[in-house]
């Protein structure tokens, strides 16, 4: 059970880090506000879904809870990485034109 708690803390921490970085982008490029807020909303939704999966794991037959949680963690990290790339693209686009 403590592994679930640690995983939830990691998900929350990484989500808050993304939100902080996103607000830094808004501070630097105020005209990107709507786009960045949409990315924040997507990441918060991803966080909520991931926490739901941690709290109510779907462990397929023939696998372990640990493998299932690793899959949940990896899926979260993959989606978060994609959101960071989108945030980076927003910033890169503004730096080229701005």
N, C-alpha and C. Protein backbone atom coordinates (compact mmCIF):
# COMPACT_ATOMS: atom_id res chain seq x y z
N UNK A 1 0.80 -1.20 0.00
CA UNK A 1 0.00 0.00 0.00
C UNK A 1 0.85 1.26 0.00
N UNK A 2 2.02 1.22 0.63
CA UNK A 2 2.82 2.43 0.66
C UNK A 2 3.36 2.76 -0.73
N UNK A 3 3.52 1.75 -1.57
CA UNK A 3 3.97 2.01 -2.95
C UNK A 3 2.94 2.86 -3.69
N UNK A 4 1.66 2.62 -3.43
CA UNK A 4 0.62 3.44 -4.05
C UNK A 4 0.72 4.87 -3.56
N UNK A 5 0.96 5.05 -2.28
CA UNK A 5 1.07 6.39 -1.72
C UNK A 5 2.25 7.13 -2.34
N UNK A 6 3.36 6.45 -2.49
CA UNK A 6 4.54 7.06 -3.09
C UNK A 6 4.26 7.43 -4.55
N UNK A 7 3.60 6.55 -5.28
CA UNK A 7 3.27 6.82 -6.68
C UNK A 7 2.33 8.02 -6.80
N UNK A 8 1.35 8.12 -5.90
CA UNK A 8 0.44 9.27 -5.93
C UNK A 8 1.19 10.56 -5.63
N UNK A 9 2.13 10.52 -4.69
CA UNK A 9 2.93 11.71 -4.39
C UNK A 9 3.77 12.11 -5.59
N UNK A 10 4.32 11.13 -6.30
CA UNK A 10 5.11 11.42 -7.49
C UNK A 10 4.25 12.07 -8.57
N UNK A 11 3.06 11.52 -8.79
CA UNK A 11 2.15 12.07 -9.79
C UNK A 11 1.77 13.50 -9.42
N UNK A 12 1.43 13.73 -8.17
CA UNK A 12 1.06 15.09 -7.72
C UNK A 12 2.23 16.06 -7.87
N UNK A 13 3.41 15.62 -7.49
CA UNK A 13 4.60 16.47 -7.57
C UNK A 13 4.90 16.86 -9.02
N UNK A 14 4.88 15.88 -9.91
CA UNK A 14 5.17 16.17 -11.31
C UNK A 14 4.09 17.05 -11.95
N UNK A 15 2.85 16.86 -11.53
CA UNK A 15 1.76 17.71 -12.03
C UNK A 15 1.97 19.15 -11.59
N UNK A 16 2.29 19.34 -10.33
CA UNK A 16 2.52 20.70 -9.82
C UNK A 16 3.73 21.34 -10.49
N UNK A 17 4.75 20.55 -10.78
CA UNK A 17 5.92 21.08 -11.47
C UNK A 17 5.55 21.55 -12.87
N UNK A 18 4.72 20.77 -13.56
CA UNK A 18 4.28 21.18 -14.90
C UNK A 18 3.48 22.48 -14.82
N UNK A 19 2.57 22.56 -13.86
CA UNK A 19 1.75 23.76 -13.72
C UNK A 19 2.62 24.98 -13.44
N UNK A 20 3.62 24.81 -12.60
CA UNK A 20 4.54 25.90 -12.30
C UNK A 20 5.28 26.35 -13.57
N UNK A 21 5.78 25.38 -14.33
CA UNK A 21 6.47 25.71 -15.58
C UNK A 21 5.54 26.40 -16.57
N UNK A 22 4.29 25.93 -16.61
CA UNK A 22 3.32 26.52 -17.53
C UNK A 22 3.03 27.98 -17.17
N UNK A 23 2.90 28.26 -15.88
CA UNK A 23 2.67 29.64 -15.47
C UNK A 23 3.89 30.52 -15.74
N UNK A 24 5.07 29.94 -15.72
CA UNK A 24 6.27 30.69 -16.09
C UNK A 24 6.21 31.08 -17.56
N UNK A 25 5.70 30.16 -18.39
CA UNK A 25 5.55 30.46 -19.82
C UNK A 25 4.54 31.59 -20.00
N UNK A 26 3.45 31.55 -19.27
CA UNK A 26 2.45 32.62 -19.37
C UNK A 26 3.06 33.95 -18.94
N UNK A 27 3.90 33.92 -17.91
CA UNK A 27 4.56 35.14 -17.46
C UNK A 27 5.49 35.72 -18.51
N UNK A 28 6.15 34.85 -19.26
CA UNK A 28 7.07 35.30 -20.30
C UNK A 28 6.37 35.65 -21.60
N UNK A 29 5.27 34.95 -21.87
CA UNK A 29 4.54 35.13 -23.13
C UNK A 29 3.04 35.23 -22.83
N UNK A 30 2.58 36.37 -22.37
CA UNK A 30 1.17 36.51 -21.96
C UNK A 30 0.17 36.20 -23.06
N UNK A 31 0.56 36.37 -24.31
CA UNK A 31 -0.37 36.11 -25.41
C UNK A 31 -0.64 34.61 -25.63
N UNK A 32 0.11 33.75 -24.95
CA UNK A 32 -0.10 32.30 -25.06
C UNK A 32 -1.00 31.77 -23.96
N UNK A 33 -1.58 32.66 -23.19
CA UNK A 33 -2.34 32.29 -21.99
C UNK A 33 -3.39 31.21 -22.26
N UNK A 34 -4.25 31.42 -23.23
CA UNK A 34 -5.35 30.48 -23.50
C UNK A 34 -4.82 29.09 -23.86
N UNK A 35 -3.81 29.05 -24.70
CA UNK A 35 -3.24 27.77 -25.13
C UNK A 35 -2.60 27.04 -23.96
N UNK A 36 -1.85 27.78 -23.15
CA UNK A 36 -1.17 27.16 -22.01
C UNK A 36 -2.18 26.71 -20.95
N UNK A 37 -3.20 27.50 -20.71
CA UNK A 37 -4.24 27.10 -19.75
C UNK A 37 -4.91 25.81 -20.22
N UNK A 38 -5.11 25.65 -21.51
CA UNK A 38 -5.68 24.41 -22.04
C UNK A 38 -4.76 23.22 -21.76
N UNK A 39 -3.44 23.41 -21.89
CA UNK A 39 -2.49 22.34 -21.58
C UNK A 39 -2.53 22.01 -20.09
N UNK A 40 -2.64 23.03 -19.24
CA UNK A 40 -2.73 22.80 -17.80
C UNK A 40 -3.98 21.97 -17.49
N UNK A 41 -5.07 22.33 -18.11
CA UNK A 41 -6.32 21.59 -17.91
C UNK A 41 -6.16 20.12 -18.32
N UNK A 42 -5.50 19.89 -19.43
CA UNK A 42 -5.27 18.52 -19.90
C UNK A 42 -4.42 17.73 -18.89
N UNK A 43 -3.39 18.36 -18.35
CA UNK A 43 -2.51 17.68 -17.40
C UNK A 43 -3.23 17.40 -16.09
N UNK A 44 -4.07 18.33 -15.65
CA UNK A 44 -4.84 18.09 -14.42
C UNK A 44 -5.82 16.93 -14.64
N UNK A 45 -6.42 16.87 -15.81
CA UNK A 45 -7.31 15.75 -16.14
C UNK A 45 -6.52 14.43 -16.17
N UNK A 46 -5.32 14.46 -16.74
CA UNK A 46 -4.44 13.29 -16.77
C UNK A 46 -4.10 12.87 -15.35
N UNK A 47 -3.80 13.82 -14.49
CA UNK A 47 -3.47 13.54 -13.09
C UNK A 47 -4.65 12.86 -12.40
N UNK A 48 -5.84 13.42 -12.59
CA UNK A 48 -7.03 12.85 -11.94
C UNK A 48 -7.29 11.42 -12.41
N UNK A 49 -7.15 11.18 -13.69
CA UNK A 49 -7.35 9.83 -14.23
C UNK A 49 -6.29 8.86 -13.71
N UNK A 50 -5.06 9.33 -13.60
CA UNK A 50 -3.98 8.48 -13.10
C UNK A 50 -4.20 8.13 -11.64
N UNK A 51 -4.60 9.09 -10.83
CA UNK A 51 -4.88 8.83 -9.42
C UNK A 51 -6.04 7.84 -9.30
N UNK A 52 -7.05 7.97 -10.17
CA UNK A 52 -8.16 7.02 -10.15
C UNK A 52 -7.66 5.61 -10.45
N UNK A 53 -6.77 5.48 -11.43
CA UNK A 53 -6.21 4.17 -11.78
C UNK A 53 -5.38 3.59 -10.64
N UNK A 54 -4.69 4.45 -9.91
CA UNK A 54 -3.90 3.98 -8.77
C UNK A 54 -4.81 3.51 -7.65
N UNK A 55 -5.85 4.28 -7.38
CA UNK A 55 -6.77 3.93 -6.30
C UNK A 55 -7.61 2.70 -6.62
N UNK A 56 -7.94 2.50 -7.88
CA UNK A 56 -8.79 1.38 -8.30
C UNK A 56 -8.08 0.65 -9.45
N UNK A 57 -7.03 -0.09 -9.12
CA UNK A 57 -6.24 -0.72 -10.19
C UNK A 57 -7.00 -1.81 -10.93
N UNK A 58 -6.75 -1.86 -12.21
CA UNK A 58 -7.30 -2.92 -13.06
C UNK A 58 -6.13 -3.85 -13.37
N UNK A 59 -6.04 -4.93 -12.60
CA UNK A 59 -4.92 -5.86 -12.74
C UNK A 59 -5.37 -7.04 -13.60
N UNK A 60 -4.88 -7.09 -14.84
CA UNK A 60 -5.27 -8.21 -15.71
C UNK A 60 -4.78 -9.54 -15.13
N UNK A 61 -5.52 -10.58 -15.44
CA UNK A 61 -5.13 -11.91 -14.96
C UNK A 61 -3.78 -12.29 -15.56
N UNK A 62 -2.94 -12.86 -14.74
CA UNK A 62 -1.62 -13.27 -15.19
C UNK A 62 -0.55 -12.21 -14.99
N UNK A 63 -0.91 -11.11 -14.36
CA UNK A 63 0.07 -10.06 -14.07
C UNK A 63 -0.02 -9.70 -12.60
N UNK A 64 0.91 -8.88 -12.15
CA UNK A 64 0.93 -8.49 -10.74
C UNK A 64 0.51 -7.03 -10.60
N UNK A 65 0.17 -6.68 -9.37
CA UNK A 65 -0.18 -5.29 -9.08
C UNK A 65 1.00 -4.37 -9.39
N UNK A 66 2.20 -4.81 -9.08
CA UNK A 66 3.40 -4.01 -9.34
C UNK A 66 3.54 -3.71 -10.83
N UNK A 67 3.36 -4.71 -11.67
CA UNK A 67 3.47 -4.49 -13.12
C UNK A 67 2.37 -3.56 -13.60
N UNK A 68 1.19 -3.71 -13.05
CA UNK A 68 0.08 -2.84 -13.41
C UNK A 68 0.38 -1.39 -13.03
N UNK A 69 0.91 -1.18 -11.84
CA UNK A 69 1.24 0.17 -11.38
C UNK A 69 2.39 0.76 -12.20
N UNK A 70 3.34 -0.09 -12.60
CA UNK A 70 4.41 0.40 -13.47
C UNK A 70 3.85 0.87 -14.81
N UNK A 71 2.86 0.15 -15.31
CA UNK A 71 2.21 0.56 -16.55
C UNK A 71 1.49 1.89 -16.40
N UNK A 72 0.80 2.07 -15.28
CA UNK A 72 0.10 3.33 -15.00
C UNK A 72 1.12 4.46 -14.92
N UNK A 73 2.22 4.22 -14.21
CA UNK A 73 3.26 5.24 -14.05
C UNK A 73 3.88 5.61 -15.41
N UNK A 74 4.21 4.59 -16.20
CA UNK A 74 4.83 4.85 -17.50
C UNK A 74 3.88 5.59 -18.44
N UNK A 75 2.60 5.25 -18.41
CA UNK A 75 1.63 5.95 -19.25
C UNK A 75 1.52 7.42 -18.83
N UNK A 76 1.51 7.67 -17.52
CA UNK A 76 1.46 9.05 -17.02
C UNK A 76 2.68 9.83 -17.49
N UNK A 77 3.87 9.24 -17.31
CA UNK A 77 5.09 9.93 -17.70
C UNK A 77 5.14 10.21 -19.20
N UNK A 78 4.66 9.27 -20.00
CA UNK A 78 4.64 9.46 -21.46
C UNK A 78 3.74 10.63 -21.84
N UNK A 79 2.54 10.68 -21.25
CA UNK A 79 1.61 11.78 -21.54
C UNK A 79 2.14 13.11 -21.02
N UNK A 80 2.75 13.10 -19.85
CA UNK A 80 3.31 14.34 -19.29
C UNK A 80 4.45 14.84 -20.17
N UNK A 81 5.27 13.92 -20.65
CA UNK A 81 6.36 14.30 -21.54
C UNK A 81 5.82 14.94 -22.82
N UNK A 82 4.74 14.40 -23.34
CA UNK A 82 4.11 14.98 -24.54
C UNK A 82 3.60 16.39 -24.24
N UNK A 83 3.05 16.59 -23.05
CA UNK A 83 2.56 17.92 -22.67
C UNK A 83 3.72 18.90 -22.55
N UNK A 84 4.85 18.44 -22.01
CA UNK A 84 6.03 19.31 -21.93
C UNK A 84 6.53 19.66 -23.34
N UNK A 85 6.48 18.71 -24.26
CA UNK A 85 6.89 19.02 -25.63
C UNK A 85 5.98 20.07 -26.25
N UNK A 86 4.66 19.95 -25.99
CA UNK A 86 3.72 20.95 -26.50
C UNK A 86 4.01 22.33 -25.90
N UNK A 87 4.30 22.36 -24.60
CA UNK A 87 4.64 23.61 -23.93
C UNK A 87 5.92 24.20 -24.53
N UNK A 88 6.87 23.36 -24.80
CA UNK A 88 8.12 23.80 -25.41
C UNK A 88 7.88 24.34 -26.82
N UNK A 89 7.01 23.67 -27.57
CA UNK A 89 6.70 24.13 -28.93
C UNK A 89 6.01 25.50 -28.90
N UNK A 90 5.15 25.71 -27.91
CA UNK A 90 4.48 27.00 -27.76
C UNK A 90 5.52 28.09 -27.52
N UNK A 91 6.46 27.80 -26.63
CA UNK A 91 7.51 28.77 -26.31
C UNK A 91 8.45 28.98 -27.49
N UNK A 92 8.84 27.90 -28.15
CA UNK A 92 9.75 28.03 -29.30
C UNK A 92 9.11 28.83 -30.42
N UNK A 93 7.82 28.63 -30.64
CA UNK A 93 7.12 29.38 -31.68
C UNK A 93 7.09 30.86 -31.37
N UNK A 94 6.93 31.21 -30.09
CA UNK A 94 6.89 32.62 -29.69
C UNK A 94 8.28 33.24 -29.78
N UNK A 95 9.31 32.48 -29.48
CA UNK A 95 10.66 33.05 -29.51
C UNK A 95 11.08 33.33 -30.96
N UNK A 96 10.63 32.50 -31.90
CA UNK A 96 10.97 32.73 -33.31
C UNK A 96 10.26 33.95 -33.86
N UNK A 97 8.95 34.10 -33.50
CA UNK A 97 8.18 35.20 -34.05
C UNK A 97 8.26 36.45 -33.18
N UNK A 98 8.57 36.29 -31.89
CA UNK A 98 8.56 37.42 -30.97
C UNK A 98 9.87 38.04 -30.89
